[in-house]
Amino acid sequence: MSYVFDAGAETVWSPALRTGELYARFLRETAAVLGLPTGLVEIASDMYEIDLGPYETLIAAIFETTSAARQPVLRGLLESVLLPSIVILDRAGRPLTATSPEQVDLIARAQALAMPR
């Protein structure tokens, strides 16, 4: 069994149930703290359609916050949701653009995850 995250007609990620549930929960809570919508539209308890406009806005905000964070615990917490999100955006045809060495590192670390679709 797995979660399904679709962007348009394409499945951009289909992690195991526990991984998918944690990701969706982490994303919701992070969005709430930042005061932004997630862009996740629940289709079923284990299936989400990603509304790319708000999702991309949220992930860009997390990207900026993470790359500027000097507090290691905050950075680590944000990276747990950011790294898979970078891969999801890339697979959806909306890659983030790095503007600093910290952001280049985040994108490289996300790409190293090699998450299965």
N, C-alpha and C. Protein backbone atom coordinates (compact mmCIF):
# COMPACT_ATOMS: atom_id res chain seq x y z
N MET A 1 0.84 -1.17 0.00
CA MET A 1 0.00 0.00 0.00
C MET A 1 0.89 1.24 0.00
N SER A 2 0.38 2.30 -0.65
CA SER A 2 1.16 3.53 -0.70
C SER A 2 0.24 4.74 -0.82
N TYR A 3 0.82 5.89 -0.58
CA TYR A 3 0.16 7.16 -0.83
C TYR A 3 0.38 7.50 -2.29
N VAL A 4 -0.45 8.37 -2.82
CA VAL A 4 -0.27 8.85 -4.18
C VAL A 4 -0.37 10.37 -4.15
N PHE A 5 0.62 11.02 -4.75
CA PHE A 5 0.63 12.47 -4.91
C PHE A 5 0.68 12.74 -6.41
N ASP A 6 -0.40 13.29 -6.94
CA ASP A 6 -0.50 13.58 -8.36
C ASP A 6 -0.43 15.08 -8.61
N ALA A 7 0.21 15.45 -9.70
CA ALA A 7 0.21 16.83 -10.18
C ALA A 7 -0.32 16.75 -11.61
N GLY A 8 -1.53 17.20 -11.80
CA GLY A 8 -2.17 17.02 -13.10
C GLY A 8 -2.41 15.54 -13.33
N ALA A 9 -2.05 15.06 -14.51
CA ALA A 9 -2.27 13.66 -14.85
C ALA A 9 -1.10 12.76 -14.46
N GLU A 10 -0.08 13.33 -13.81
CA GLU A 10 1.12 12.56 -13.50
C GLU A 10 1.26 12.30 -12.00
N THR A 11 1.60 11.07 -11.67
CA THR A 11 1.94 10.74 -10.28
C THR A 11 3.39 11.16 -10.08
N VAL A 12 3.60 12.13 -9.17
CA VAL A 12 4.94 12.65 -8.94
C VAL A 12 5.62 11.98 -7.76
N TRP A 13 4.82 11.27 -6.94
CA TRP A 13 5.41 10.52 -5.83
C TRP A 13 4.38 9.55 -5.30
N SER A 14 4.83 8.35 -4.97
CA SER A 14 3.96 7.33 -4.39
C SER A 14 4.72 6.59 -3.30
N PRO A 15 4.90 7.26 -2.15
CA PRO A 15 5.66 6.64 -1.05
C PRO A 15 4.84 5.61 -0.28
N ALA A 16 5.51 4.86 0.56
CA ALA A 16 4.85 3.94 1.47
C ALA A 16 3.87 4.71 2.36
N LEU A 17 2.89 4.01 2.89
CA LEU A 17 1.83 4.66 3.67
C LEU A 17 2.36 5.54 4.79
N ARG A 18 3.24 5.01 5.61
CA ARG A 18 3.74 5.80 6.75
C ARG A 18 4.51 7.03 6.28
N THR A 19 5.31 6.87 5.26
CA THR A 19 6.08 7.99 4.73
C THR A 19 5.15 9.05 4.16
N GLY A 20 4.16 8.63 3.38
CA GLY A 20 3.21 9.57 2.80
C GLY A 20 2.39 10.31 3.85
N GLU A 21 1.96 9.58 4.86
CA GLU A 21 1.18 10.22 5.92
C GLU A 21 2.02 11.24 6.68
N LEU A 22 3.24 10.88 7.02
CA LEU A 22 4.12 11.82 7.72
C LEU A 22 4.39 13.05 6.87
N TYR A 23 4.66 12.85 5.58
CA TYR A 23 4.92 13.99 4.70
C TYR A 23 3.72 14.93 4.67
N ALA A 24 2.52 14.39 4.45
CA ALA A 24 1.32 15.23 4.38
C ALA A 24 1.09 15.98 5.69
N ARG A 25 1.30 15.30 6.80
CA ARG A 25 1.12 15.95 8.11
C ARG A 25 2.17 17.03 8.34
N PHE A 26 3.43 16.71 8.05
CA PHE A 26 4.51 17.70 8.22
C PHE A 26 4.23 18.92 7.35
N LEU A 27 3.80 18.68 6.10
CA LEU A 27 3.54 19.79 5.19
C LEU A 27 2.39 20.65 5.72
N ARG A 28 1.32 20.03 6.19
CA ARG A 28 0.19 20.80 6.73
C ARG A 28 0.61 21.67 7.91
N GLU A 29 1.37 21.09 8.82
CA GLU A 29 1.79 21.84 10.01
C GLU A 29 2.76 22.96 9.66
N THR A 30 3.67 22.70 8.75
CA THR A 30 4.62 23.73 8.32
C THR A 30 3.86 24.87 7.63
N ALA A 31 2.90 24.53 6.79
CA ALA A 31 2.10 25.55 6.12
C ALA A 31 1.33 26.39 7.14
N ALA A 32 0.80 25.74 8.16
CA ALA A 32 0.05 26.48 9.19
C ALA A 32 0.95 27.47 9.91
N VAL A 33 2.16 27.06 10.25
CA VAL A 33 3.10 27.96 10.93
C VAL A 33 3.45 29.15 10.03
N LEU A 34 3.60 28.91 8.73
CA LEU A 34 3.94 29.98 7.79
C LEU A 34 2.72 30.77 7.32
N GLY A 35 1.53 30.30 7.66
CA GLY A 35 0.30 31.00 7.27
C GLY A 35 -0.01 30.90 5.79
N LEU A 36 0.35 29.77 5.19
CA LEU A 36 0.12 29.56 3.77
C LEU A 36 -0.66 28.27 3.54
N PRO A 37 -1.42 28.20 2.43
CA PRO A 37 -2.09 26.92 2.10
C PRO A 37 -1.08 25.90 1.60
N THR A 38 -1.42 24.63 1.75
CA THR A 38 -0.50 23.56 1.33
C THR A 38 -0.51 23.31 -0.17
N GLY A 39 -1.64 23.50 -0.79
CA GLY A 39 -1.77 23.11 -2.19
C GLY A 39 -2.13 21.65 -2.34
N LEU A 40 -2.25 20.92 -1.23
CA LEU A 40 -2.67 19.52 -1.29
C LEU A 40 -4.19 19.45 -1.24
N VAL A 41 -4.77 18.74 -2.17
CA VAL A 41 -6.21 18.53 -2.21
C VAL A 41 -6.44 17.04 -1.98
N GLU A 42 -7.06 16.70 -0.85
CA GLU A 42 -7.26 15.30 -0.52
C GLU A 42 -8.35 14.70 -1.40
N ILE A 43 -8.00 13.66 -2.12
CA ILE A 43 -8.93 12.94 -2.99
C ILE A 43 -9.48 11.72 -2.23
N ALA A 44 -8.61 11.07 -1.49
CA ALA A 44 -8.94 9.95 -0.61
C ALA A 44 -7.97 10.02 0.56
N SER A 45 -8.14 9.15 1.54
CA SER A 45 -7.28 9.23 2.72
C SER A 45 -5.81 9.00 2.39
N ASP A 46 -5.53 8.42 1.24
CA ASP A 46 -4.14 8.16 0.86
C ASP A 46 -3.82 8.67 -0.55
N MET A 47 -4.58 9.67 -1.00
CA MET A 47 -4.36 10.21 -2.34
C MET A 47 -4.58 11.72 -2.34
N TYR A 48 -3.59 12.43 -2.90
CA TYR A 48 -3.66 13.88 -2.97
C TYR A 48 -3.41 14.35 -4.39
N GLU A 49 -4.16 15.34 -4.78
CA GLU A 49 -3.90 16.10 -6.00
C GLU A 49 -3.16 17.35 -5.53
N ILE A 50 -2.10 17.71 -6.20
CA ILE A 50 -1.33 18.90 -5.83
C ILE A 50 -1.76 20.06 -6.72
N ASP A 51 -2.28 21.10 -6.09
CA ASP A 51 -2.58 22.36 -6.77
C ASP A 51 -1.25 23.12 -6.81
N LEU A 52 -0.62 23.12 -7.97
CA LEU A 52 0.77 23.57 -8.07
C LEU A 52 0.99 25.04 -7.71
N GLY A 53 0.02 25.91 -7.92
CA GLY A 53 0.21 27.32 -7.58
C GLY A 53 0.50 27.52 -6.10
N PRO A 54 -0.45 27.16 -5.21
CA PRO A 54 -0.19 27.33 -3.79
C PRO A 54 0.93 26.43 -3.26
N TYR A 55 1.05 25.23 -3.81
CA TYR A 55 2.12 24.32 -3.37
C TYR A 55 3.48 24.93 -3.66
N GLU A 56 3.66 25.44 -4.86
CA GLU A 56 4.94 26.05 -5.24
C GLU A 56 5.25 27.27 -4.36
N THR A 57 4.24 28.07 -4.06
CA THR A 57 4.43 29.23 -3.19
C THR A 57 4.89 28.80 -1.80
N LEU A 58 4.25 27.77 -1.26
CA LEU A 58 4.63 27.27 0.05
C LEU A 58 6.05 26.72 0.05
N ILE A 59 6.37 25.90 -0.94
CA ILE A 59 7.70 25.29 -0.97
C ILE A 59 8.77 26.35 -1.18
N ALA A 60 8.49 27.37 -1.97
CA ALA A 60 9.45 28.47 -2.14
C ALA A 60 9.68 29.20 -0.82
N ALA A 61 8.62 29.38 -0.03
CA ALA A 61 8.75 30.03 1.28
C ALA A 61 9.57 29.16 2.23
N ILE A 62 9.33 27.86 2.21
CA ILE A 62 10.12 26.94 3.05
C ILE A 62 11.58 26.94 2.59
N PHE A 63 11.79 26.97 1.29
CA PHE A 63 13.14 27.00 0.70
C PHE A 63 13.91 28.23 1.17
N GLU A 64 13.28 29.39 1.10
CA GLU A 64 13.92 30.63 1.53
C GLU A 64 14.19 30.61 3.03
N THR A 65 13.21 30.17 3.81
CA THR A 65 13.36 30.13 5.26
C THR A 65 14.47 29.17 5.67
N THR A 66 14.51 28.01 5.04
CA THR A 66 15.52 27.01 5.37
C THR A 66 16.91 27.49 5.01
N SER A 67 17.07 28.05 3.83
CA SER A 67 18.41 28.46 3.40
C SER A 67 18.93 29.63 4.23
N ALA A 68 18.04 30.42 4.81
CA ALA A 68 18.46 31.55 5.64
C ALA A 68 18.60 31.18 7.12
N ALA A 69 18.08 30.02 7.50
CA ALA A 69 18.07 29.62 8.91
C ALA A 69 19.48 29.40 9.43
N ARG A 70 19.76 29.98 10.56
CA ARG A 70 21.06 29.78 11.21
C ARG A 70 20.92 28.85 12.41
N GLN A 71 19.71 28.56 12.80
CA GLN A 71 19.44 27.69 13.94
C GLN A 71 19.36 26.26 13.40
N PRO A 72 20.26 25.37 13.78
CA PRO A 72 20.32 24.03 13.18
C PRO A 72 19.08 23.18 13.39
N VAL A 73 18.40 23.32 14.52
CA VAL A 73 17.20 22.51 14.75
C VAL A 73 16.09 22.96 13.80
N LEU A 74 15.89 24.27 13.66
CA LEU A 74 14.88 24.78 12.72
C LEU A 74 15.19 24.30 11.32
N ARG A 75 16.42 24.43 10.92
CA ARG A 75 16.82 24.00 9.58
C ARG A 75 16.54 22.52 9.36
N GLY A 76 16.89 21.69 10.34
CA GLY A 76 16.65 20.25 10.22
C GLY A 76 15.18 19.92 10.12
N LEU A 77 14.36 20.58 10.92
CA LEU A 77 12.92 20.34 10.87
C LEU A 77 12.35 20.71 9.51
N LEU A 78 12.74 21.86 9.00
CA LEU A 78 12.22 22.30 7.70
C LEU A 78 12.72 21.40 6.56
N GLU A 79 13.96 20.95 6.65
CA GLU A 79 14.49 20.10 5.59
C GLU A 79 13.72 18.79 5.45
N SER A 80 13.14 18.31 6.54
CA SER A 80 12.42 17.03 6.47
C SER A 80 11.23 17.10 5.51
N VAL A 81 10.64 18.25 5.38
CA VAL A 81 9.54 18.41 4.44
C VAL A 81 10.01 19.04 3.13
N LEU A 82 11.05 19.86 3.20
CA LEU A 82 11.52 20.56 2.01
C LEU A 82 12.16 19.64 0.98
N LEU A 83 13.04 18.74 1.41
CA LEU A 83 13.79 17.94 0.44
C LEU A 83 12.89 17.10 -0.48
N PRO A 84 11.91 16.35 0.06
CA PRO A 84 11.03 15.65 -0.88
C PRO A 84 10.18 16.61 -1.72
N SER A 85 9.86 17.76 -1.17
CA SER A 85 9.06 18.74 -1.91
C SER A 85 9.81 19.30 -3.11
N ILE A 86 11.12 19.48 -2.97
CA ILE A 86 11.95 19.94 -4.09
C ILE A 86 11.87 18.93 -5.23
N VAL A 87 11.94 17.65 -4.90
CA VAL A 87 11.86 16.59 -5.91
C VAL A 87 10.48 16.59 -6.57
N ILE A 88 9.43 16.74 -5.76
CA ILE A 88 8.07 16.76 -6.29
C ILE A 88 7.90 17.91 -7.28
N LEU A 89 8.36 19.11 -6.90
CA LEU A 89 8.25 20.25 -7.82
C LEU A 89 9.03 20.00 -9.10
N ASP A 90 10.20 19.44 -8.99
CA ASP A 90 11.00 19.14 -10.17
C ASP A 90 10.25 18.18 -11.09
N ARG A 91 9.67 17.12 -10.52
CA ARG A 91 8.92 16.15 -11.32
C ARG A 91 7.67 16.76 -11.94
N ALA A 92 7.13 17.79 -11.30
CA ALA A 92 5.95 18.46 -11.83
C ALA A 92 6.32 19.53 -12.86
N GLY A 93 7.60 19.65 -13.17
CA GLY A 93 8.04 20.62 -14.18
C GLY A 93 8.19 22.03 -13.64
N ARG A 94 8.33 22.16 -12.33
CA ARG A 94 8.49 23.48 -11.71
C ARG A 94 9.68 23.49 -10.75
N PRO A 95 10.87 23.26 -11.28
CA PRO A 95 12.03 23.20 -10.40
C PRO A 95 12.32 24.55 -9.74
N LEU A 96 12.83 24.48 -8.52
CA LEU A 96 13.25 25.69 -7.82
C LEU A 96 14.58 26.15 -8.38
N THR A 97 14.82 27.44 -8.33
CA THR A 97 16.08 28.01 -8.79
C THR A 97 16.88 28.47 -7.59
N ALA A 98 18.09 27.98 -7.49
CA ALA A 98 18.97 28.35 -6.38
C ALA A 98 19.60 29.71 -6.65
N THR A 99 19.65 30.53 -5.59
CA THR A 99 20.28 31.84 -5.71
C THR A 99 21.40 32.03 -4.69
N SER A 100 21.75 30.96 -3.99
CA SER A 100 22.82 31.03 -3.00
C SER A 100 23.47 29.65 -2.89
N PRO A 101 24.67 29.60 -2.35
CA PRO A 101 25.32 28.29 -2.15
C PRO A 101 24.49 27.37 -1.25
N GLU A 102 23.82 27.93 -0.24
CA GLU A 102 22.98 27.12 0.65
C GLU A 102 21.85 26.46 -0.14
N GLN A 103 21.26 27.21 -1.06
CA GLN A 103 20.17 26.66 -1.87
C GLN A 103 20.67 25.63 -2.86
N VAL A 104 21.83 25.84 -3.44
CA VAL A 104 22.43 24.83 -4.33
C VAL A 104 22.60 23.52 -3.56
N ASP A 105 23.08 23.62 -2.32
CA ASP A 105 23.27 22.43 -1.48
C ASP A 105 21.95 21.74 -1.19
N LEU A 106 20.91 22.51 -0.87
CA LEU A 106 19.60 21.91 -0.59
C LEU A 106 19.07 21.15 -1.79
N ILE A 107 19.18 21.74 -2.97
CA ILE A 107 18.69 21.08 -4.18
C ILE A 107 19.49 19.80 -4.46
N ALA A 108 20.80 19.87 -4.29
CA ALA A 108 21.63 18.67 -4.51
C ALA A 108 21.27 17.57 -3.52
N ARG A 109 21.03 17.93 -2.27
CA ARG A 109 20.66 16.93 -1.27
C ARG A 109 19.29 16.34 -1.57
N ALA A 110 18.38 17.16 -2.07
CA ALA A 110 17.05 16.66 -2.43
C ALA A 110 17.16 15.66 -3.59
N GLN A 111 17.92 16.01 -4.59
CA GLN A 111 18.08 15.13 -5.76
C GLN A 111 18.74 13.82 -5.39
N ALA A 112 19.56 13.83 -4.35
CA ALA A 112 20.23 12.61 -3.90
C ALA A 112 19.28 11.63 -3.22
N LEU A 113 18.08 12.09 -2.87
CA LEU A 113 17.11 11.20 -2.24
C LEU A 113 16.70 10.06 -3.16
N ALA A 114 16.68 10.31 -4.45
CA ALA A 114 16.28 9.30 -5.44
C ALA A 114 14.98 8.62 -5.04
N MET A 115 13.99 9.41 -4.70
CA MET A 115 12.68 8.88 -4.29
C MET A 115 12.03 8.17 -5.47
N PRO A 116 11.49 6.99 -5.26
CA PRO A 116 10.76 6.33 -6.35
C PRO A 116 9.48 7.09 -6.65
N ARG A 117 9.06 7.01 -7.88
CA ARG A 117 7.78 7.66 -8.22
C ARG A 117 6.71 6.81 -7.64
